[in-house]
Amino acid sequence: MHQSPSNAMRHVYGWLLLTPAAILLIAFTHFPTLATIYESSFSKGNLIRPSRFIGITNYESMLEDPIFWKVLINNFWFAVGTIPASVALAIAMALLVNRALPGRPFLRLAYFTPTILPMIAVANIWLFFYSPDIGLIDQILGWFGFPGHNWLGDPATVLPAIIVMTIWKEAGFFMIFYLAALQNLPPELEEAAKLEGASRWYYFRRVIFPLLMPTTLFVLINAVLNSFKLVDHLFVLTKGGPNNASNLLLYYIYENAFSYFDTNYAATLTVVLLAILAVVALAQFFLFDRRIHYR
């Protein structure tokens, strides 16, 4: 069927409006992804021996790399430690500051302040907390007679220490989304729950939390992404040490690309990182699809 001039113009206008976003998406997302996959199939080159096509050899070397498996396990425990705690704390803070409290604006600001601080500043603040003997944590422990501890130099405590710092940094950011979602809930729901004699916990579990599921899905996706892109804090605090106990996947990519100048192996690790994030994101969508209630 022949389209009328007005319909054709609407299609042209639509494509013209879409073009700038499509160009940015292709230039900064799709093209770099394809270029990374292509580069991962070449060997590391130098002035004497140029880079050459080696297929999946880099991936085979990666599977035999013990540091890769170490940082992958570290990243798994880092995600397990930060994501549930950050989301739960964000919900708790949002519920608290959504109530009529004296000084509520200042409390909201206090919760949100860590989010607006630069990552390097946050790392330096917590470096002061974790410094052995002279740090704030060891000073407080000393008041109660406990000895000092090298929190960032002990393989057993370095990753939990970074997890605590990350939760402190991210919970306030996620709180903003939950607070906005709570303020959009109809007040009649709480009134009806009170008339029925429902407890606060029952009202939260049966009414509030199901209605917050769209926000929770959004927050979870962001939390997963954040758990795989930590570089700045590690660069200031530990540089992945001691003995790769705090090394995470993106920082290992950074090391290979800019410290060892092996961009091809870094591209291989990046492809794996993108695949992990894609699988986790899709799993979250399918897992929460039936539990999300859109209004």
C-alpha atoms as a PDB file:
ATOM      1  CA  MET A   1       0.000   0.000   0.000  1.00  0.00           C
ATOM      2  CA  HIS A   2       1.296   3.416  -0.959  1.00  0.00           C
ATOM      3  CA  GLN A   3       1.952   5.656   2.044  1.00  0.00           C
ATOM      4  CA  SER A   4       0.588   9.166   2.108  1.00  0.00           C
ATOM      5  CA  PRO A   5       3.123  12.046   2.166  1.00  0.00           C
ATOM      6  CA  SER A   6       2.172  12.855   5.771  1.00  0.00           C
ATOM      7  CA  ASN A   7       2.865   9.278   6.941  1.00  0.00           C
ATOM      8  CA  ALA A   8       6.168   9.204   5.043  1.00  0.00           C
ATOM      9  CA  MET A   9       7.215  12.492   6.650  1.00  0.00           C
ATOM     10  CA  ARG A  10       6.382  11.120  10.096  1.00  0.00           C
ATOM     11  CA  HIS A  11       8.673   8.157   9.412  1.00  0.00           C
ATOM     12  CA  VAL A  12      11.425  10.511   8.247  1.00  0.00           C
ATOM     13  CA  TYR A  13      11.012  12.661  11.358  1.00  0.00           C
ATOM     14  CA  GLY A  14      11.120   9.564  13.519  1.00  0.00           C
ATOM     15  CA  TRP A  15      14.355   8.332  11.974  1.00  0.00           C
ATOM     16  CA  LEU A  16      15.889  11.814  12.207  1.00  0.00           C
ATOM     17  CA  LEU A  17      15.065  11.936  15.917  1.00  0.00           C
ATOM     18  CA  LEU A  18      16.498   8.445  16.407  1.00  0.00           C
ATOM     19  CA  THR A  19      19.695   9.038  14.429  1.00  0.00           C
ATOM     20  CA  PRO A  20      21.766  11.014  17.030  1.00  0.00           C
ATOM     21  CA  ALA A  21      21.104   8.447  19.763  1.00  0.00           C
ATOM     22  CA  ALA A  22      21.756   5.578  17.332  1.00  0.00           C
ATOM     23  CA  ILE A  23      25.082   7.092  16.256  1.00  0.00           C
ATOM     24  CA  LEU A  24      26.202   7.487  19.872  1.00  0.00           C
ATOM     25  CA  LEU A  25      25.059   3.956  20.725  1.00  0.00           C
ATOM     26  CA  ILE A  26      26.904   2.437  17.764  1.00  0.00           C
ATOM     27  CA  ALA A  27      30.040   4.558  18.254  1.00  0.00           C
ATOM     28  CA  PHE A  28      30.416   4.027  21.990  1.00  0.00           C
ATOM     29  CA  THR A  29      28.793   0.620  22.562  1.00  0.00           C
ATOM     30  CA  HIS A  30      28.458  -1.683  19.566  1.00  0.00           C
ATOM     31  CA  PHE A  31      31.615  -0.731  17.680  1.00  0.00           C
ATOM     32  CA  PRO A  32      33.909  -0.932  20.772  1.00  0.00           C
ATOM     33  CA  THR A  33      32.385  -4.315  21.637  1.00  0.00           C
ATOM     34  CA  LEU A  34      33.032  -5.720  18.156  1.00  0.00           C
ATOM     35  CA  ALA A  35      36.518  -4.166  18.119  1.00  0.00           C
ATOM     36  CA  THR A  36      37.302  -5.766  21.476  1.00  0.00           C
ATOM     37  CA  ILE A  37      36.160  -9.190  20.270  1.00  0.00           C
ATOM     38  CA  TYR A  38      38.291  -8.764  17.137  1.00  0.00           C
ATOM     39  CA  GLU A  39      41.376  -7.662  19.093  1.00  0.00           C
ATOM     40  CA  SER A  40      41.049 -10.605  21.483  1.00  0.00           C
ATOM     41  CA  SER A  41      41.869 -12.957  18.605  1.00  0.00           C
ATOM     42  CA  PHE A  42      45.357 -11.496  18.074  1.00  0.00           C
ATOM     43  CA  SER A  43      48.606 -12.028  19.947  1.00  0.00           C
ATOM     44  CA  LYS A  44      50.561  -9.402  21.822  1.00  0.00           C
ATOM     45  CA  GLY A  45      52.778  -7.505  19.411  1.00  0.00           C
ATOM     46  CA  ASN A  46      56.024  -5.591  19.802  1.00  0.00           C
ATOM     47  CA  LEU A  47      58.646  -3.912  17.613  1.00  0.00           C
ATOM     48  CA  ILE A  48      60.348  -7.204  16.796  1.00  0.00           C
ATOM     49  CA  ARG A  49      57.362  -9.530  16.520  1.00  0.00           C
ATOM     50  CA  PRO A  50      54.153  -7.939  15.210  1.00  0.00           C
ATOM     51  CA  SER A  51      50.738  -9.000  16.396  1.00  0.00           C
ATOM     52  CA  ARG A  52      49.220 -11.924  14.495  1.00  0.00           C
ATOM     53  CA  PHE A  53      45.915 -13.751  14.366  1.00  0.00           C
ATOM     54  CA  ILE A  54      45.803 -16.639  16.870  1.00  0.00           C
ATOM     55  CA  GLY A  55      42.067 -17.408  17.094  1.00  0.00           C
ATOM     56  CA  ILE A  56      40.984 -18.546  20.535  1.00  0.00           C
ATOM     57  CA  THR A  57      44.487 -19.005  21.950  1.00  0.00           C
ATOM     58  CA  ASN A  58      44.070 -16.042  24.275  1.00  0.00           C
ATOM     59  CA  TYR A  59      40.935 -17.631  25.709  1.00  0.00           C
ATOM     60  CA  GLU A  60      42.770 -20.910  26.226  1.00  0.00           C
ATOM     61  CA  SER A  61      45.573 -19.061  28.012  1.00  0.00           C
ATOM     62  CA  MET A  62      42.999 -17.272  30.139  1.00  0.00           C
ATOM     63  CA  LEU A  63      41.485 -20.565  31.276  1.00  0.00           C
ATOM     64  CA  GLU A  64      44.957 -21.673  32.373  1.00  0.00           C
ATOM     65  CA  ASP A  65      45.689 -18.377  34.136  1.00  0.00           C
ATOM     66  CA  PRO A  66      45.465 -18.857  37.935  1.00  0.00           C
ATOM     67  CA  ILE A  67      45.226 -15.105  38.525  1.00  0.00           C
ATOM     68  CA  PHE A  68      42.154 -14.930  36.294  1.00  0.00           C
ATOM     69  CA  TRP A  69      40.370 -17.549  38.393  1.00  0.00           C
ATOM     70  CA  LYS A  70      41.520 -15.795  41.553  1.00  0.00           C
ATOM     71  CA  VAL A  71      40.092 -12.413  40.517  1.00  0.00           C
ATOM     72  CA  LEU A  72      36.908 -14.066  39.218  1.00  0.00           C
ATOM     73  CA  ILE A  73      36.308 -15.712  42.597  1.00  0.00           C
ATOM     74  CA  ASN A  74      37.154 -12.428  44.334  1.00  0.00           C
ATOM     75  CA  ASN A  75      34.622 -10.638  42.153  1.00  0.00           C
ATOM     76  CA  PHE A  76      31.982 -13.233  42.949  1.00  0.00           C
ATOM     77  CA  TRP A  77      32.424 -12.792  46.696  1.00  0.00           C
ATOM     78  CA  PHE A  78      32.626  -9.032  46.264  1.00  0.00           C
ATOM     79  CA  ALA A  79      29.265  -9.047  44.451  1.00  0.00           C
ATOM     80  CA  VAL A  80      27.721 -11.381  47.044  1.00  0.00           C
ATOM     81  CA  GLY A  81      28.950  -9.128  49.830  1.00  0.00           C
ATOM     82  CA  THR A  82      27.962  -5.766  48.354  1.00  0.00           C
ATOM     83  CA  ILE A  83      24.743  -6.261  46.372  1.00  0.00           C
ATOM     84  CA  PRO A  84      22.322  -7.708  48.979  1.00  0.00           C
ATOM     85  CA  ALA A  85      23.692  -5.529  51.777  1.00  0.00           C
ATOM     86  CA  SER A  86      23.548  -2.330  49.695  1.00  0.00           C
ATOM     87  CA  VAL A  87      19.994  -3.007  48.522  1.00  0.00           C
ATOM     88  CA  ALA A  88      18.728  -3.971  51.992  1.00  0.00           C
ATOM     89  CA  LEU A  89      20.375  -0.944  53.594  1.00  0.00           C
ATOM     90  CA  ALA A  90      19.012   1.340  50.874  1.00  0.00           C
ATOM     91  CA  ILE A  91      15.455   0.080  51.485  1.00  0.00           C
ATOM     92  CA  ALA A  92      15.834   0.503  55.248  1.00  0.00           C
ATOM     93  CA  MET A  93      17.169   4.044  54.894  1.00  0.00           C
ATOM     94  CA  ALA A  94      14.431   4.965  52.414  1.00  0.00           C
ATOM     95  CA  LEU A  95      11.727   3.677  54.764  1.00  0.00           C
ATOM     96  CA  LEU A  96      13.252   5.666  57.605  1.00  0.00           C
ATOM     97  CA  VAL A  97      13.623   9.007  55.825  1.00  0.00           C
ATOM     98  CA  ASN A  98      10.185   8.627  54.226  1.00  0.00           C
ATOM     99  CA  ARG A  99       8.593   8.962  57.659  1.00  0.00           C
ATOM    100  CA  ALA A 100       7.830  12.258  59.395  1.00  0.00           C
ATOM    101  CA  LEU A 101      10.982  12.725  61.460  1.00  0.00           C
ATOM    102  CA  PRO A 102      12.539  15.837  62.995  1.00  0.00           C
ATOM    103  CA  GLY A 103      15.475  16.947  60.878  1.00  0.00           C
ATOM    104  CA  ARG A 104      14.478  14.649  58.030  1.00  0.00           C
ATOM    105  CA  PRO A 105      16.146  16.758  55.278  1.00  0.00           C
ATOM    106  CA  PHE A 106      19.478  16.630  57.128  1.00  0.00           C
ATOM    107  CA  LEU A 107      19.146  12.879  57.587  1.00  0.00           C
ATOM    108  CA  ARG A 108      18.503  12.417  53.881  1.00  0.00           C
ATOM    109  CA  LEU A 109      21.532  14.571  53.108  1.00  0.00           C
ATOM    110  CA  ALA A 110      23.698  12.537  55.483  1.00  0.00           C
ATOM    111  CA  TYR A 111      22.668   9.290  53.811  1.00  0.00           C
ATOM    112  CA  PHE A 112      23.224  10.679  50.320  1.00  0.00           C
ATOM    113  CA  THR A 113      26.539  12.488  50.973  1.00  0.00           C
ATOM    114  CA  PRO A 114      28.821   9.447  50.367  1.00  0.00           C
ATOM    115  CA  THR A 115      27.328   9.114  46.892  1.00  0.00           C
ATOM    116  CA  ILE A 116      28.369  12.582  45.736  1.00  0.00           C
ATOM    117  CA  LEU A 117      31.929  12.277  47.027  1.00  0.00           C
ATOM    118  CA  PRO A 118      34.555  11.520  44.358  1.00  0.00           C
ATOM    119  CA  MET A 119      35.755   7.918  44.355  1.00  0.00           C
ATOM    120  CA  ILE A 120      39.369   8.946  45.034  1.00  0.00           C
ATOM    121  CA  ALA A 121      38.236  11.031  48.012  1.00  0.00           C
ATOM    122  CA  VAL A 122      36.244   8.087  49.378  1.00  0.00           C
ATOM    123  CA  ALA A 123      39.251   5.807  49.009  1.00  0.00           C
ATOM    124  CA  ASN A 124      41.481   8.260  50.880  1.00  0.00           C
ATOM    125  CA  ILE A 125      38.902   8.644  53.670  1.00  0.00           C
ATOM    126  CA  TRP A 126      38.756   4.902  54.187  1.00  0.00           C
ATOM    127  CA  LEU A 127      42.529   4.639  53.864  1.00  0.00           C
ATOM    128  CA  PHE A 128      42.648   6.805  56.987  1.00  0.00           C
ATOM    129  CA  PHE A 129      40.132   4.485  58.662  1.00  0.00           C
ATOM    130  CA  TYR A 130      42.050   1.319  57.771  1.00  0.00           C
ATOM    131  CA  SER A 131      45.631   2.495  58.393  1.00  0.00           C
ATOM    132  CA  PRO A 132      47.255   0.147  60.922  1.00  0.00           C
ATOM    133  CA  ASP A 133      47.772   1.535  64.459  1.00  0.00           C
ATOM    134  CA  ILE A 134      47.134   5.186  63.535  1.00  0.00           C
ATOM    135  CA  GLY A 135      43.845   4.642  61.657  1.00  0.00           C
ATOM    136  CA  LEU A 136      40.471   5.523  63.157  1.00  0.00           C
ATOM    137  CA  ILE A 137      39.338   1.891  63.474  1.00  0.00           C
ATOM    138  CA  ASP A 138      42.513   0.803  65.289  1.00  0.00           C
ATOM    139  CA  GLN A 139      42.348   3.890  67.506  1.00  0.00           C
ATOM    140  CA  ILE A 140      38.821   2.973  68.593  1.00  0.00           C
ATOM    141  CA  LEU A 141      39.777  -0.670  69.106  1.00  0.00           C
ATOM    142  CA  GLY A 142      42.746   0.495  71.200  1.00  0.00           C
ATOM    143  CA  TRP A 143      40.379   2.215  73.635  1.00  0.00           C
ATOM    144  CA  PHE A 144      38.954  -1.216  74.437  1.00  0.00           C
ATOM    145  CA  GLY A 145      42.331  -2.909  74.680  1.00  0.00           C
ATOM    146  CA  PHE A 146      42.347  -4.614  71.283  1.00  0.00           C
ATOM    147  CA  PRO A 147      45.594  -4.651  69.259  1.00  0.00           C
ATOM    148  CA  GLY A 148      45.927  -2.903  65.925  1.00  0.00           C
ATOM    149  CA  HIS A 149      45.454  -4.761  62.657  1.00  0.00           C
ATOM    150  CA  ASN A 150      46.640  -4.216  59.100  1.00  0.00           C
ATOM    151  CA  TRP A 151      43.190  -4.387  57.515  1.00  0.00           C
ATOM    152  CA  LEU A 152      44.364  -3.805  53.945  1.00  0.00           C
ATOM    153  CA  GLY A 153      47.547  -5.852  54.286  1.00  0.00           C
ATOM    154  CA  ASP A 154      45.942  -9.050  55.526  1.00  0.00           C
ATOM    155  CA  PRO A 155      44.535 -11.332  52.773  1.00  0.00           C
ATOM    156  CA  ALA A 156      41.782 -12.437  55.155  1.00  0.00           C
ATOM    157  CA  THR A 157      40.442  -8.913  55.795  1.00  0.00           C
ATOM    158  CA  VAL A 158      41.302  -6.852  52.723  1.00  0.00           C
ATOM    159  CA  LEU A 159      38.312  -7.903  50.603  1.00  0.00           C
ATOM    160  CA  PRO A 160      35.755  -7.535  53.464  1.00  0.00           C
ATOM    161  CA  ALA A 161      37.245  -4.095  54.168  1.00  0.00           C
ATOM    162  CA  ILE A 162      36.656  -3.003  50.563  1.00  0.00           C
ATOM    163  CA  ILE A 163      33.160  -4.507  50.651  1.00  0.00           C
ATOM    164  CA  VAL A 164      32.258  -2.393  53.707  1.00  0.00           C
ATOM    165  CA  MET A 165      33.558   0.740  51.994  1.00  0.00           C
ATOM    166  CA  THR A 166      31.578  -0.001  48.822  1.00  0.00           C
ATOM    167  CA  ILE A 167      28.348  -0.562  50.749  1.00  0.00           C
ATOM    168  CA  TRP A 168      28.852   2.778  52.510  1.00  0.00           C
ATOM    169  CA  LYS A 169      29.375   4.469  49.131  1.00  0.00           C
ATOM    170  CA  GLU A 170      26.481   2.911  47.203  1.00  0.00           C
ATOM    171  CA  ALA A 171      23.620   2.485  49.676  1.00  0.00           C
ATOM    172  CA  GLY A 172      22.770   6.197  49.678  1.00  0.00           C
ATOM    173  CA  PHE A 173      22.606   6.254  45.883  1.00  0.00           C
ATOM    174  CA  PHE A 174      20.166   3.348  45.782  1.00  0.00           C
ATOM    175  CA  MET A 175      18.167   4.919  48.618  1.00  0.00           C
ATOM    176  CA  ILE A 176      17.178   7.825  46.352  1.00  0.00           C
ATOM    177  CA  PHE A 177      15.403   5.501  43.920  1.00  0.00           C
ATOM    178  CA  TYR A 178      13.579   3.658  46.681  1.00  0.00           C
ATOM    179  CA  LEU A 179      12.586   6.930  48.318  1.00  0.00           C
ATOM    180  CA  ALA A 180      11.120   8.186  45.039  1.00  0.00           C
ATOM    181  CA  ALA A 181       9.224   4.916  44.613  1.00  0.00           C
ATOM    182  CA  LEU A 182       7.869   5.042  48.179  1.00  0.00           C
ATOM    183  CA  GLN A 183       6.599   8.578  47.684  1.00  0.00           C
ATOM    184  CA  ASN A 184       4.656   7.447  44.624  1.00  0.00           C
ATOM    185  CA  LEU A 185       2.756   4.726  46.504  1.00  0.00           C
ATOM    186  CA  PRO A 186      -0.924   5.558  47.166  1.00  0.00           C
ATOM    187  CA  PRO A 187      -1.401   6.522  50.850  1.00  0.00           C
ATOM    188  CA  GLU A 188      -4.711   4.630  50.821  1.00  0.00           C
ATOM    189  CA  LEU A 189      -2.790   1.348  50.928  1.00  0.00           C
ATOM    190  CA  GLU A 190      -1.307   2.110  54.339  1.00  0.00           C
ATOM    191  CA  GLU A 191      -4.654   3.320  55.659  1.00  0.00           C
ATOM    192  CA  ALA A 192      -6.348   0.113  54.512  1.00  0.00           C
ATOM    193  CA  ALA A 193      -3.591  -1.980  56.109  1.00  0.00           C
ATOM    194  CA  LYS A 194      -4.052  -0.176  59.421  1.00  0.00           C
ATOM    195  CA  LEU A 195      -7.805  -0.746  59.307  1.00  0.00           C
ATOM    196  CA  GLU A 196      -7.190  -4.457  58.738  1.00  0.00           C
ATOM    197  CA  GLY A 197      -4.789  -4.559  61.690  1.00  0.00           C
ATOM    198  CA  ALA A 198      -1.762  -5.546  59.622  1.00  0.00           C
ATOM    199  CA  SER A 199       1.626  -5.197  61.272  1.00  0.00           C
ATOM    200  CA  ARG A 200       4.354  -3.009  59.773  1.00  0.00           C
ATOM    201  CA  TRP A 201       6.369  -6.050  58.720  1.00  0.00           C
ATOM    202  CA  TYR A 202       3.329  -7.726  57.106  1.00  0.00           C
ATOM    203  CA  TYR A 203       2.447  -4.471  55.297  1.00  0.00           C
ATOM    204  CA  PHE A 204       6.011  -4.124  54.025  1.00  0.00           C
ATOM    205  CA  ARG A 205       6.306  -7.784  52.949  1.00  0.00           C
ATOM    206  CA  ARG A 206       2.885  -8.083  51.295  1.00  0.00           C
ATOM    207  CA  VAL A 207       2.300  -4.590  49.929  1.00  0.00           C
ATOM    208  CA  ILE A 208       5.314  -2.299  49.809  1.00  0.00           C
ATOM    209  CA  PHE A 209       8.023  -4.703  48.675  1.00  0.00           C
ATOM    210  CA  PRO A 210       6.019  -6.201  45.754  1.00  0.00           C
ATOM    211  CA  LEU A 211       5.250  -2.673  44.543  1.00  0.00           C
ATOM    212  CA  LEU A 212       8.933  -1.794  44.778  1.00  0.00           C
ATOM    213  CA  MET A 213       9.984  -4.650  42.497  1.00  0.00           C
ATOM    214  CA  PRO A 214      10.432  -2.472  39.348  1.00  0.00           C
ATOM    215  CA  THR A 215      12.758  -0.234  41.359  1.00  0.00           C
ATOM    216  CA  THR A 216      14.487  -3.285  42.830  1.00  0.00           C
ATOM    217  CA  LEU A 217      15.172  -4.682  39.347  1.00  0.00           C
ATOM    218  CA  PHE A 218      16.666  -1.360  38.266  1.00  0.00           C
ATOM    219  CA  VAL A 219      18.764  -1.127  41.434  1.00  0.00           C
ATOM    220  CA  LEU A 220      19.955  -4.735  41.158  1.00  0.00           C
ATOM    221  CA  ILE A 221      21.149  -4.247  37.587  1.00  0.00           C
ATOM    222  CA  ASN A 222      23.069  -1.136  38.624  1.00  0.00           C
ATOM    223  CA  ALA A 223      24.466  -2.909  41.686  1.00  0.00           C
ATOM    224  CA  VAL A 224      25.716  -5.804  39.552  1.00  0.00           C
ATOM    225  CA  LEU A 225      27.358  -3.411  37.106  1.00  0.00           C
ATOM    226  CA  ASN A 226      28.978  -1.500  39.962  1.00  0.00           C
ATOM    227  CA  SER A 227      30.314  -4.691  41.515  1.00  0.00           C
ATOM    228  CA  PHE A 228      32.257  -5.423  38.318  1.00  0.00           C
ATOM    229  CA  LYS A 229      33.645  -1.944  37.613  1.00  0.00           C
ATOM    230  CA  LEU A 230      35.616  -1.105  40.742  1.00  0.00           C
ATOM    231  CA  VAL A 231      39.025   0.321  39.795  1.00  0.00           C
ATOM    232  CA  ASP A 232      39.606   3.689  41.509  1.00  0.00           C
ATOM    233  CA  HIS A 233      39.335   2.403  45.071  1.00  0.00           C
ATOM    234  CA  LEU A 234      41.650  -0.525  44.408  1.00  0.00           C
ATOM    235  CA  PHE A 235      44.206   1.730  42.739  1.00  0.00           C
ATOM    236  CA  VAL A 236      44.400   3.948  45.832  1.00  0.00           C
ATOM    237  CA  LEU A 237      43.959   1.361  48.582  1.00  0.00           C
ATOM    238  CA  THR A 238      45.564  -1.950  47.613  1.00  0.00           C
ATOM    239  CA  LYS A 239      46.479  -2.134  43.899  1.00  0.00           C
ATOM    240  CA  GLY A 240      44.935  -5.597  44.003  1.00  0.00           C
ATOM    241  CA  GLY A 241      47.152  -6.887  46.816  1.00  0.00           C
ATOM    242  CA  PRO A 242      48.250  -8.498  48.927  1.00  0.00           C
ATOM    243  CA  ASN A 243      48.941 -11.431  46.583  1.00  0.00           C
ATOM    244  CA  ASN A 244      45.841 -10.574  44.468  1.00  0.00           C
ATOM    245  CA  ALA A 245      43.578 -11.028  47.507  1.00  0.00           C
ATOM    246  CA  SER A 246      41.650  -7.868  46.589  1.00  0.00           C
ATOM    247  CA  ASN A 247      42.158  -7.946  42.835  1.00  0.00           C
ATOM    248  CA  LEU A 248      38.927  -7.776  40.835  1.00  0.00           C
ATOM    249  CA  LEU A 249      38.249  -8.498  37.189  1.00  0.00           C
ATOM    250  CA  LEU A 250      38.159  -4.926  35.862  1.00  0.00           C
ATOM    251  CA  TYR A 251      41.293  -3.983  37.771  1.00  0.00           C
ATOM    252  CA  TYR A 252      43.031  -7.059  36.336  1.00  0.00           C
ATOM    253  CA  ILE A 253      41.990  -5.847  32.879  1.00  0.00           C
ATOM    254  CA  TYR A 254      43.446  -2.435  33.730  1.00  0.00           C
ATOM    255  CA  GLU A 255      46.715  -4.062  34.859  1.00  0.00           C
ATOM    256  CA  ASN A 256      47.090  -6.073  31.661  1.00  0.00           C
ATOM    257  CA  ALA A 257      46.262  -3.130  29.415  1.00  0.00           C
ATOM    258  CA  PHE A 258      48.219  -0.317  31.076  1.00  0.00           C
ATOM    259  CA  SER A 259      50.826  -1.996  33.299  1.00  0.00           C
ATOM    260  CA  TYR A 260      51.795  -5.047  31.212  1.00  0.00           C
ATOM    261  CA  PHE A 261      50.769  -3.436  27.869  1.00  0.00           C
ATOM    262  CA  ASP A 262      49.083  -6.661  26.800  1.00  0.00           C
ATOM    263  CA  THR A 263      45.995  -5.092  25.258  1.00  0.00           C
ATOM    264  CA  ASN A 264      45.026  -8.274  23.444  1.00  0.00           C
ATOM    265  CA  TYR A 265      44.786 -10.316  26.631  1.00  0.00           C
ATOM    266  CA  ALA A 266      42.983  -7.378  28.258  1.00  0.00           C
ATOM    267  CA  ALA A 267      40.499  -7.480  25.363  1.00  0.00           C
ATOM    268  CA  THR A 268      39.990 -11.193  26.000  1.00  0.00           C
ATOM    269  CA  LEU A 269      39.226 -10.518  29.656  1.00  0.00           C
ATOM    270  CA  THR A 270      36.903  -7.695  28.633  1.00  0.00           C
ATOM    271  CA  VAL A 271      34.896 -10.015  26.390  1.00  0.00           C
ATOM    272  CA  VAL A 272      34.472 -12.386  29.324  1.00  0.00           C
ATOM    273  CA  LEU A 273      33.396  -9.496  31.538  1.00  0.00           C
ATOM    274  CA  LEU A 274      30.801  -8.353  28.984  1.00  0.00           C
ATOM    275  CA  ALA A 275      29.495 -11.911  28.645  1.00  0.00           C
ATOM    276  CA  ILE A 276      29.134 -12.266  32.417  1.00  0.00           C
ATOM    277  CA  LEU A 277      27.278  -8.965  32.717  1.00  0.00           C
ATOM    278  CA  ALA A 278      24.974  -9.848  29.810  1.00  0.00           C
ATOM    279  CA  VAL A 279      24.099 -13.245  31.265  1.00  0.00           C
ATOM    280  CA  VAL A 280      23.481 -11.821  34.745  1.00  0.00           C
ATOM    281  CA  ALA A 281      21.336  -8.977  33.388  1.00  0.00           C
ATOM    282  CA  LEU A 282      19.211 -11.337  31.293  1.00  0.00           C
ATOM    283  CA  ALA A 283      18.855 -13.718  34.227  1.00  0.00           C
ATOM    284  CA  GLN A 284      17.638 -10.875  36.406  1.00  0.00           C
ATOM    285  CA  PHE A 285      15.034  -9.854  33.838  1.00  0.00           C
ATOM    286  CA  PHE A 286      13.691 -13.407  33.467  1.00  0.00           C
ATOM    287  CA  LEU A 287      13.874 -14.120  37.210  1.00  0.00           C
ATOM    288  CA  PHE A 288      11.984 -11.022  38.294  1.00  0.00           C
ATOM    289  CA  ASP A 289       9.638 -10.707  35.320  1.00  0.00           C
ATOM    290  CA  ARG A 290       6.766 -12.549  37.007  1.00  0.00           C
ATOM    291  CA  ARG A 291       7.242 -10.752  40.305  1.00  0.00           C
ATOM    292  CA  ILE A 292       7.181  -7.230  38.954  1.00  0.00           C
ATOM    293  CA  HIS A 293       3.975  -5.261  39.159  1.00  0.00           C
ATOM    294  CA  TYR A 294       3.849  -2.276  36.837  1.00  0.00           C
ATOM    295  CA  ARG A 295       1.175   0.306  37.358  1.00  0.00           C
END
